[in-house]
Amino acid sequence: MKVALGVSGGIAAYKAAELVRLLQDRGIRVQVIMTRAAQEFVRPLTFAALSGEKVITDLFGAGAEQPNIDSAVEHIAVAQAIDALVVAPATADVIAKFAHGEANDFLTTLFLATTAPVVVAPAMNVNMWEHAATQANIDTLKKRGVKIVSPDSGYLACGMIGAGRLAANDKIVEAVLSALGAVPDLVGETILVTAGGTREPIDPVRFIGNRSSGKMGYALAEAAVRRGAKVILISGPTALKPPASTEFISVQTAEEMRNAVMAHLDRATIVIKAAAVADFTVSKVADQKIKRKGPMTLELQPTADILAEVGAKKGSRIVVGFAAETWNTLENARKKLVSKSLDAIVLNDVSRAGIGFDSERNAVTILTPGGAEDVPEMSKWEVAHRVLDAVVKIKAERAQQASRR
C-alpha cells in the first residue's frame, strides 16, 4: 500500500512528521508532497529522512533540478501509483482550491489527477473554519466523496479557543485505513484464497482453459490483507502480480490446485474459492505436439470437486464459494450452497456483458443459508470488500450463537 501525504502551510505541519511514522507502522509507504508554504514550517529533508521516499515540492522541479518531461508528468505517475491521497494539515486555501478545481501546484494537480480515495484533515483558525465559504467548500468536497477528518476544538496556535485544531493523528490514521479498506476486522484469521483459471493440457503446447483473469481472487486476497488477515493465495496462471504480504502458491492444473488447497487447508480459518477451476480435464495427454490432420476428438473426464471436498472437511472454518452461472442462476447457486456445505456462495452471472470474466467490474449476489444480498455493479475491489463484509457477519453470528450456549 502506498499513500501520498500532502502537507500544506500551517503550524500543524510539524504533526505530519509523526503521521508518516504512524502510517509506516501499519505497513503503508508514504510519499510526501509539500506546498511552498509548508516548507516555511518544516524542511523537506525531515520528511525525506522519515519516509525514505522522494519529497515532491514543485510541479516542474526545483532548485538546481532542470524542468523536464519527467517532472512535467510526475503528478500523473504519482496519481496512478497511490492507493490514497491524504492531506494533513489542509489549510483553507488548499481546501478552496480542491473544491473549485484549481491546479496551480503539485498537490492541487495531483488531487485532480488521482482516482484514489482522498482524505482531508483541515487545520486553521476557528473563524476561518467556521466561515461560510470554508464550510461551503467542505460540503462540496464531501459531496464528491472526499473523506473529511473534522478538526478538534481547543487552544489554537493563534491564541484563540475553538474548532480548527488538526485532528489527532490516530483519528487521521483510522480514516486512512478505512479509505484503504483496511478496517482490522480480520486480524487473527488465516484466509486461503484461490484465484484464476486452470489449464488442462492437451499436448505440450495446447491446453483447455477459460476466460478467468484472476482479478476477483486477487482483489479478495489484497482486501483481506488490508483488513488484517494472513492470506494464502493459490493461483492459476494470470498476468497479475501477487499482492504484497500474501503467501503465494502458483499452480497450473485443477489437480495441482486441489493438492495445494488440501496441503494448506489445516492452516486456514476461512476459505474463499474464487478460482475458475476446470470441470473437465483431458483423459490422455499427448507426449508430442498433435499435428493438424483433420478433426480431433478429445476424451474428457471430470476433475475433482475441490469446493465440495473442502466443504466436507470444513469443521469450524468459514467456507465461501463462487458460482459462475449463465442460466437458472439463483437456483443453481442455491443448490451448490447446500450440496457443498458452504457458509456462503457468490453468484456471478457471467452471461452479462461488461462484467465478470476479464473485467475490472462485477455484479454479484451473495447467498447464505439465511438469505441473499444483491451487490450492484461496482469495481471488483469493492465487491471483494462486500464479500469480506459477509464473512465478518458470519463470524459475528457464530460468536453470538456460541455465547448463548
Protein backbone atom coordinates (compact mmCIF):
# COMPACT_ATOMS: atom_id res chain seq x y z
CA MET A 1 0.00 0.00 0.00
CA LYS A 2 1.19 3.49 -0.78
CA VAL A 3 -0.30 6.87 0.05
CA ALA A 4 0.65 10.39 -0.91
CA LEU A 5 0.67 12.73 2.09
CA GLY A 6 0.03 16.33 1.16
CA VAL A 7 1.35 18.83 3.69
CA SER A 8 0.16 22.41 3.35
CA GLY A 9 1.31 25.60 5.04
CA GLY A 10 0.07 25.71 8.62
CA ILE A 11 1.72 25.49 12.01
CA ALA A 12 0.31 21.97 12.33
CA ALA A 13 2.64 20.85 9.51
CA TYR A 14 5.07 19.54 12.13
CA LYS A 15 2.46 16.97 13.22
CA ALA A 16 2.62 15.39 9.76
CA ALA A 17 6.06 14.00 10.65
CA GLU A 18 4.51 11.78 13.32
CA LEU A 19 1.71 10.87 10.91
CA VAL A 20 4.29 9.47 8.47
CA ARG A 21 5.62 7.17 11.18
CA LEU A 22 2.17 6.00 12.27
CA LEU A 23 1.22 5.12 8.69
CA GLN A 24 4.50 3.29 8.19
CA ASP A 25 3.86 1.28 11.36
CA ARG A 26 0.80 -0.11 9.55
CA GLY A 27 2.83 -1.21 6.56
CA ILE A 28 1.95 1.78 4.37
CA ARG A 29 4.53 3.50 2.17
CA VAL A 30 4.28 7.28 2.35
CA GLN A 31 5.41 9.82 -0.23
CA VAL A 32 5.16 13.41 0.95
CA ILE A 33 4.09 16.32 -1.25
CA MET A 34 4.73 19.76 0.25
CA THR A 35 3.33 23.10 -0.78
CA ARG A 36 5.70 26.07 -0.84
CA ALA A 37 4.06 27.44 2.30
CA ALA A 38 4.54 24.13 4.12
CA GLN A 39 8.29 24.41 3.54
CA GLU A 40 8.30 27.54 5.67
CA PHE A 41 7.35 25.41 8.68
CA VAL A 42 9.15 22.08 8.06
CA ARG A 43 12.09 21.32 5.82
CA PRO A 44 11.60 18.68 3.08
CA LEU A 45 14.67 16.83 4.36
CA THR A 46 12.75 15.91 7.53
CA PHE A 47 10.09 14.06 5.56
CA ALA A 48 12.64 12.51 3.19
CA ALA A 49 14.54 11.05 6.15
CA LEU A 50 11.37 9.74 7.80
CA SER A 51 9.69 8.32 4.71
CA GLY A 52 12.68 7.09 2.73
CA GLU A 53 10.90 8.47 -0.35
CA LYS A 54 11.45 11.46 -2.60
CA VAL A 55 9.66 14.54 -1.25
CA ILE A 56 7.95 16.46 -4.04
CA THR A 57 7.99 20.23 -3.60
CA ASP A 58 7.33 21.65 -7.05
CA LEU A 59 5.36 20.82 -10.17
CA PHE A 60 8.31 21.28 -12.56
CA GLY A 61 11.31 20.50 -10.41
CA ALA A 62 13.07 22.89 -8.06
CA GLY A 63 16.47 24.28 -7.22
CA ALA A 64 19.27 23.01 -9.42
CA GLU A 65 16.96 20.46 -11.00
CA GLN A 66 16.09 21.40 -14.55
CA PRO A 67 12.44 21.13 -15.61
CA ASN A 68 11.94 18.20 -17.98
CA ILE A 69 9.22 15.94 -19.33
CA ASP A 70 9.55 13.54 -16.38
CA SER A 71 8.84 16.26 -13.83
CA ALA A 72 6.07 17.67 -16.01
CA VAL A 73 4.08 14.43 -15.88
CA GLU A 74 5.17 13.21 -12.46
CA HIS A 75 1.79 14.10 -10.96
CA ILE A 76 0.20 11.55 -13.31
CA ALA A 77 2.70 8.86 -12.31
CA VAL A 78 2.12 9.51 -8.62
CA ALA A 79 -1.66 9.62 -9.15
CA GLN A 80 -1.57 6.15 -10.69
CA ALA A 81 0.80 4.70 -8.08
CA ILE A 82 -1.01 5.65 -4.88
CA ASP A 83 -3.84 3.90 -3.07
CA ALA A 84 -4.98 7.09 -1.31
CA LEU A 85 -4.25 10.81 -1.12
CA VAL A 86 -4.10 12.24 2.40
CA VAL A 87 -3.81 15.96 3.10
CA ALA A 88 -2.86 16.87 6.67
CA PRO A 89 -2.87 19.64 7.57
CA ALA A 90 -5.18 21.05 4.92
CA THR A 91 -5.41 24.83 5.00
CA ALA A 92 -8.45 26.87 3.99
CA ASP A 93 -6.56 27.82 0.83
CA VAL A 94 -5.92 24.22 -0.25
CA ILE A 95 -9.50 23.22 0.57
CA ALA A 96 -10.81 26.09 -1.56
CA LYS A 97 -8.57 25.10 -4.47
CA PHE A 98 -9.72 21.47 -4.24
CA ALA A 99 -13.38 22.50 -4.17
CA HIS A 100 -13.05 24.81 -7.19
CA GLY A 101 -10.78 22.59 -9.27
CA GLU A 102 -7.73 24.86 -9.28
CA ALA A 103 -4.46 23.17 -10.17
CA ASN A 104 -1.50 25.51 -9.82
CA ASP A 105 0.94 23.35 -7.87
CA PHE A 106 1.77 19.67 -7.50
CA LEU A 107 -0.68 18.92 -4.69
CA THR A 108 -3.72 20.51 -6.31
CA THR A 109 -2.84 18.97 -9.67
CA LEU A 110 -2.44 15.55 -8.03
CA PHE A 111 -5.87 15.93 -6.42
CA LEU A 112 -7.48 16.32 -9.86
CA ALA A 113 -5.38 13.58 -11.45
CA THR A 114 -5.94 10.77 -8.96
CA THR A 115 -8.90 8.42 -8.78
CA ALA A 116 -7.76 7.06 -5.42
CA PRO A 117 -9.72 7.83 -2.21
CA VAL A 118 -8.95 11.25 -0.72
CA VAL A 119 -8.76 12.03 3.00
CA VAL A 120 -8.54 15.68 4.08
CA ALA A 121 -7.76 16.83 7.63
CA PRO A 122 -8.35 20.59 7.92
CA ALA A 123 -6.43 22.83 10.33
CA MET A 124 -6.89 26.60 10.66
CA ASN A 125 -8.10 29.47 12.83
CA VAL A 126 -11.59 28.95 14.28
CA ASN A 127 -13.05 31.91 12.38
CA MET A 128 -11.61 30.64 9.12
CA TRP A 129 -13.00 27.17 9.81
CA GLU A 130 -16.48 28.49 10.63
CA HIS A 131 -16.59 30.94 7.70
CA ALA A 132 -19.44 30.23 5.28
CA ALA A 133 -17.02 29.98 2.34
CA THR A 134 -14.92 27.29 4.04
CA GLN A 135 -17.99 25.33 5.12
CA ALA A 136 -19.40 25.51 1.58
CA ASN A 137 -16.10 24.19 0.22
CA ILE A 138 -16.12 21.37 2.78
CA ASP A 139 -19.67 20.44 1.77
CA THR A 140 -18.63 20.41 -1.89
CA LEU A 141 -15.76 18.02 -1.19
CA LYS A 142 -17.95 15.74 0.92
CA LYS A 143 -20.48 15.50 -1.92
CA ARG A 144 -17.64 14.48 -4.24
CA GLY A 145 -16.67 11.62 -1.95
CA VAL A 146 -13.76 13.22 -0.09
CA LYS A 147 -13.43 11.98 3.50
CA ILE A 148 -13.13 14.93 5.89
CA VAL A 149 -11.50 14.35 9.26
CA SER A 150 -13.09 17.19 11.21
CA PRO A 151 -10.73 19.35 13.27
CA ASP A 152 -10.70 19.16 17.05
CA SER A 153 -11.63 22.02 19.35
CA GLY A 154 -9.23 23.54 21.83
CA TYR A 155 -6.46 26.08 22.22
CA LEU A 156 -5.17 27.19 18.82
CA ALA A 157 -1.73 28.46 17.84
CA CYS A 158 -3.21 31.91 17.18
CA GLY A 159 -4.27 32.16 20.83
CA MET A 160 -7.97 31.61 20.22
CA ILE A 161 -10.04 28.72 21.53
CA GLY A 162 -12.42 26.77 19.31
CA ALA A 163 -12.66 24.34 16.40
CA GLY A 164 -9.79 24.31 13.92
CA ARG A 165 -7.04 22.30 15.56
CA LEU A 166 -5.75 19.41 13.42
CA ALA A 167 -7.44 16.16 14.42
CA ALA A 168 -5.37 13.73 16.43
CA ASN A 169 -3.11 11.61 14.27
CA ASP A 170 -4.78 8.39 15.39
CA LYS A 171 -8.09 9.69 14.01
CA ILE A 172 -6.43 10.54 10.72
CA VAL A 173 -4.80 7.09 10.54
CA GLU A 174 -8.17 5.46 11.24
CA ALA A 175 -9.73 7.45 8.38
CA VAL A 176 -6.90 6.47 6.03
CA LEU A 177 -7.21 2.79 6.91
CA SER A 178 -10.95 2.99 6.34
CA ALA A 179 -10.41 4.64 2.92
CA LEU A 180 -7.97 1.87 2.05
CA GLY A 181 -10.45 -0.78 3.11
CA ALA A 182 -8.08 -1.72 5.90
CA VAL A 183 -10.50 -1.94 8.82
CA PRO A 184 -8.74 -4.56 11.02
CA ASP A 185 -11.74 -6.87 11.44
CA LEU A 186 -9.94 -9.99 10.16
CA VAL A 187 -6.92 -9.87 12.46
CA GLY A 188 -6.00 -13.35 13.64
CA GLU A 189 -7.61 -15.08 10.66
CA THR A 190 -5.75 -17.10 8.04
CA ILE A 191 -7.64 -16.92 4.77
CA LEU A 192 -6.97 -19.32 1.92
CA VAL A 193 -7.99 -17.70 -1.38
CA THR A 194 -7.98 -19.41 -4.76
CA ALA A 195 -7.86 -17.33 -7.93
CA GLY A 196 -7.52 -17.51 -11.70
CA GLY A 197 -8.37 -20.32 -14.06
CA THR A 198 -6.65 -23.66 -14.56
CA ARG A 199 -5.04 -25.02 -17.69
CA GLU A 200 -5.68 -28.63 -18.59
CA PRO A 201 -3.03 -29.82 -21.08
CA ILE A 202 -3.86 -31.44 -24.41
CA ASP A 203 -0.28 -31.80 -25.60
CA PRO A 204 2.99 -29.99 -24.77
CA VAL A 205 1.80 -26.74 -26.40
CA ARG A 206 -2.01 -26.69 -26.07
CA PHE A 207 -4.42 -26.66 -23.18
CA ILE A 208 -8.10 -26.29 -22.30
CA GLY A 209 -8.71 -23.14 -20.29
CA ASN A 210 -11.25 -20.46 -19.52
CA ARG A 211 -11.53 -16.68 -19.56
CA SER A 212 -10.77 -16.09 -15.88
CA SER A 213 -8.30 -13.24 -15.33
CA GLY A 214 -7.87 -13.84 -11.60
CA LYS A 215 -8.78 -10.21 -10.81
CA MET A 216 -11.59 -11.10 -8.42
CA GLY A 217 -9.49 -13.54 -6.40
CA TYR A 218 -6.51 -11.20 -6.27
CA ALA A 219 -8.76 -8.35 -5.12
CA LEU A 220 -10.08 -10.59 -2.35
CA ALA A 221 -6.55 -11.52 -1.30
CA GLU A 222 -5.36 -7.92 -1.13
CA ALA A 223 -8.52 -6.72 0.63
CA ALA A 224 -8.13 -9.47 3.23
CA VAL A 225 -4.52 -8.46 3.89
CA ARG A 226 -5.58 -4.86 4.38
CA ARG A 227 -8.18 -5.99 6.87
CA GLY A 228 -5.56 -7.73 8.97
CA ALA A 229 -5.71 -11.35 7.81
CA LYS A 230 -2.84 -13.62 6.90
CA VAL A 231 -3.53 -14.73 3.33
CA ILE A 232 -2.53 -17.84 1.41
CA LEU A 233 -3.17 -17.17 -2.29
CA ILE A 234 -3.29 -20.21 -4.56
CA SER A 235 -3.50 -19.06 -8.15
CA GLY A 236 -3.75 -20.46 -11.62
CA PRO A 237 -1.89 -18.65 -14.43
CA THR A 238 -2.65 -14.91 -14.62
CA ALA A 239 -0.95 -11.73 -15.77
CA LEU A 240 -1.34 -10.24 -12.27
CA LYS A 241 1.28 -9.52 -9.64
CA PRO A 242 0.51 -11.25 -6.33
CA PRO A 243 -0.50 -8.76 -3.62
CA ALA A 244 2.25 -7.92 -1.16
CA SER A 245 2.34 -9.84 2.14
CA THR A 246 0.48 -12.86 0.77
CA GLU A 247 1.89 -16.38 0.78
CA PHE A 248 1.70 -17.15 -2.92
CA ILE A 249 1.42 -20.61 -4.49
CA SER A 250 1.31 -20.91 -8.28
CA VAL A 251 -0.46 -23.84 -9.91
CA GLN A 252 -1.42 -24.82 -13.44
CA THR A 253 -3.98 -27.62 -13.42
CA ALA A 254 -7.07 -28.47 -11.41
CA GLU A 255 -5.20 -31.38 -9.82
CA GLU A 256 -2.34 -29.09 -8.77
CA MET A 257 -4.83 -26.64 -7.30
CA ARG A 258 -6.61 -29.40 -5.40
CA ASN A 259 -3.30 -30.66 -3.99
CA ALA A 260 -2.23 -27.16 -2.94
CA VAL A 261 -5.57 -26.41 -1.28
CA MET A 262 -5.55 -29.65 0.68
CA ALA A 263 -1.91 -29.16 1.68
CA HIS A 264 -2.68 -25.79 3.27
CA LEU A 265 -6.25 -26.36 4.44
CA ASP A 266 -5.32 -27.15 8.03
CA ARG A 267 -3.78 -23.69 8.43
CA ALA A 268 -6.85 -21.83 7.17
CA THR A 269 -9.67 -20.50 9.33
CA ILE A 270 -11.51 -19.13 6.28
CA VAL A 271 -11.53 -20.44 2.71
CA ILE A 272 -12.70 -18.37 -0.27
CA LYS A 273 -12.73 -20.33 -3.53
CA ALA A 274 -12.82 -17.68 -6.26
CA ALA A 275 -10.84 -19.68 -8.83
CA ALA A 276 -12.49 -20.82 -12.06
CA VAL A 277 -11.34 -24.42 -11.84
CA ALA A 278 -11.83 -26.54 -14.96
CA ASP A 279 -14.67 -29.06 -14.63
CA PHE A 280 -13.03 -31.41 -17.11
CA THR A 281 -9.53 -32.50 -17.99
CA VAL A 282 -8.15 -34.47 -20.94
CA SER A 283 -8.06 -38.20 -20.24
CA LYS A 284 -4.83 -38.79 -22.13
CA VAL A 285 -2.33 -36.01 -22.73
CA ALA A 286 -0.22 -36.42 -25.89
CA ASP A 287 3.54 -36.62 -25.38
CA GLN A 288 4.22 -34.74 -28.61
CA LYS A 289 2.51 -31.85 -30.35
CA ILE A 290 -0.55 -33.10 -32.20
CA LYS A 291 -0.33 -32.30 -35.90
CA ARG A 292 -3.24 -30.72 -37.71
CA LYS A 293 -4.52 -33.55 -39.88
CA GLY A 294 -8.26 -33.06 -39.65
CA PRO A 295 -10.90 -33.31 -36.95
CA MET A 296 -9.67 -34.16 -33.47
CA THR A 297 -11.67 -35.84 -30.73
CA LEU A 298 -10.73 -35.35 -27.09
CA GLU A 299 -11.92 -37.63 -24.34
CA LEU A 300 -12.58 -35.64 -21.19
CA GLN A 301 -13.07 -36.72 -17.62
CA PRO A 302 -14.33 -34.69 -14.67
CA THR A 303 -11.85 -33.04 -12.34
CA ALA A 304 -12.03 -33.27 -8.56
CA ASP A 305 -14.69 -31.05 -6.95
CA ILE A 306 -12.35 -29.11 -4.69
CA LEU A 307 -15.06 -26.94 -3.18
CA ALA A 308 -17.20 -29.94 -2.21
CA GLU A 309 -14.17 -31.63 -0.68
CA VAL A 310 -13.34 -28.53 1.36
CA GLY A 311 -16.96 -28.22 2.44
CA ALA A 312 -16.98 -31.82 3.65
CA LYS A 313 -13.85 -31.17 5.74
CA LYS A 314 -14.61 -27.61 6.81
CA GLY A 315 -15.04 -28.22 10.54
CA SER A 316 -15.20 -24.80 12.19
CA ARG A 317 -13.91 -22.98 9.11
CA ILE A 318 -15.96 -20.47 7.17
CA VAL A 319 -16.11 -21.61 3.54
CA VAL A 320 -17.21 -19.32 0.72
CA GLY A 321 -17.58 -20.48 -2.86
CA PHE A 322 -18.13 -18.74 -6.19
CA ALA A 323 -20.67 -19.87 -8.77
CA ALA A 324 -20.25 -18.70 -12.38
CA GLU A 325 -23.66 -19.31 -13.94
CA THR A 326 -25.43 -18.46 -17.20
CA TRP A 327 -28.96 -19.85 -16.65
CA ASN A 328 -31.20 -20.68 -13.65
CA THR A 329 -28.58 -18.68 -11.79
CA LEU A 330 -30.20 -18.39 -8.37
CA GLU A 331 -31.48 -21.95 -8.35
CA ASN A 332 -28.12 -23.41 -9.40
CA ALA A 333 -26.19 -21.33 -6.88
CA ARG A 334 -28.57 -22.21 -4.04
CA LYS A 335 -28.16 -25.94 -4.84
CA LYS A 336 -24.36 -25.59 -4.64
CA LEU A 337 -24.61 -23.71 -1.35
CA VAL A 338 -26.48 -26.62 0.23
CA SER A 339 -24.87 -29.60 -1.51
CA LYS A 340 -21.33 -28.42 -0.82
CA SER A 341 -21.96 -27.41 2.83
CA LEU A 342 -20.95 -23.80 2.26
CA ASP A 343 -21.46 -20.84 4.55
CA ALA A 344 -21.91 -18.51 1.57
CA ILE A 345 -21.71 -18.61 -2.20
CA VAL A 346 -21.09 -15.66 -4.51
CA LEU A 347 -23.26 -15.90 -7.61
CA ASN A 348 -21.69 -14.40 -10.71
CA ASP A 349 -23.92 -14.23 -13.80
CA VAL A 350 -21.19 -14.47 -16.45
CA SER A 351 -23.67 -14.10 -19.30
CA ARG A 352 -23.88 -10.36 -18.59
CA ALA A 353 -21.70 -8.22 -20.86
CA GLY A 354 -19.03 -5.95 -19.41
CA ILE A 355 -18.70 -7.62 -16.02
CA GLY A 356 -17.28 -10.82 -14.60
CA PHE A 357 -14.59 -12.63 -16.58
CA ASP A 358 -11.60 -10.48 -17.56
CA SER A 359 -13.34 -7.26 -16.46
CA GLU A 360 -12.49 -4.66 -13.83
CA ARG A 361 -16.11 -4.67 -12.65
CA ASN A 362 -18.58 -7.17 -11.33
CA ALA A 363 -22.11 -7.53 -10.01
CA VAL A 364 -22.93 -10.48 -7.77
CA THR A 365 -25.44 -11.96 -5.38
CA ILE A 366 -24.10 -13.24 -2.05
CA LEU A 367 -26.20 -16.19 -0.92
CA THR A 368 -26.19 -17.59 2.62
CA PRO A 369 -28.49 -20.12 4.29
CA GLY A 370 -30.38 -17.15 5.74
CA GLY A 371 -30.92 -15.07 2.63
CA ALA A 372 -29.39 -13.23 -0.31
CA GLU A 373 -27.72 -9.86 -0.84
CA ASP A 374 -27.65 -8.30 -4.29
CA VAL A 375 -24.42 -6.38 -4.90
CA PRO A 376 -24.88 -3.94 -7.81
CA GLU A 377 -22.22 -3.36 -10.45
CA MET A 378 -19.05 -1.92 -8.95
CA SER A 379 -15.30 -2.48 -9.09
CA LYS A 380 -14.02 -5.92 -8.16
CA TRP A 381 -12.11 -4.27 -5.31
CA GLU A 382 -15.41 -3.02 -3.88
CA VAL A 383 -17.07 -6.40 -4.47
CA ALA A 384 -14.18 -8.05 -2.59
CA HIS A 385 -14.93 -5.96 0.46
CA ARG A 386 -18.63 -6.77 0.26
CA VAL A 387 -17.74 -10.47 0.26
CA LEU A 388 -15.44 -9.97 3.25
CA ASP A 389 -18.18 -8.00 4.99
CA ALA A 390 -20.37 -11.09 4.61
CA VAL A 391 -17.59 -13.24 6.12
CA VAL A 392 -17.30 -10.87 9.10
CA LYS A 393 -21.08 -11.05 9.56
CA ILE A 394 -20.97 -14.86 9.58
CA LYS A 395 -18.17 -14.70 12.18
CA ALA A 396 -20.25 -12.39 14.36
CA GLU A 397 -23.33 -14.59 14.09
CA ARG A 398 -21.31 -17.65 15.09
CA ALA A 399 -19.85 -15.84 18.09
CA GLN A 400 -23.30 -14.72 19.13
CA GLN A 401 -24.65 -18.25 18.88
CA ALA A 402 -21.71 -19.60 20.89
CA SER A 403 -22.33 -17.05 23.67
CA ARG A 404 -25.91 -18.29 24.06
CA ARG A 405 -24.87 -21.87 24.69
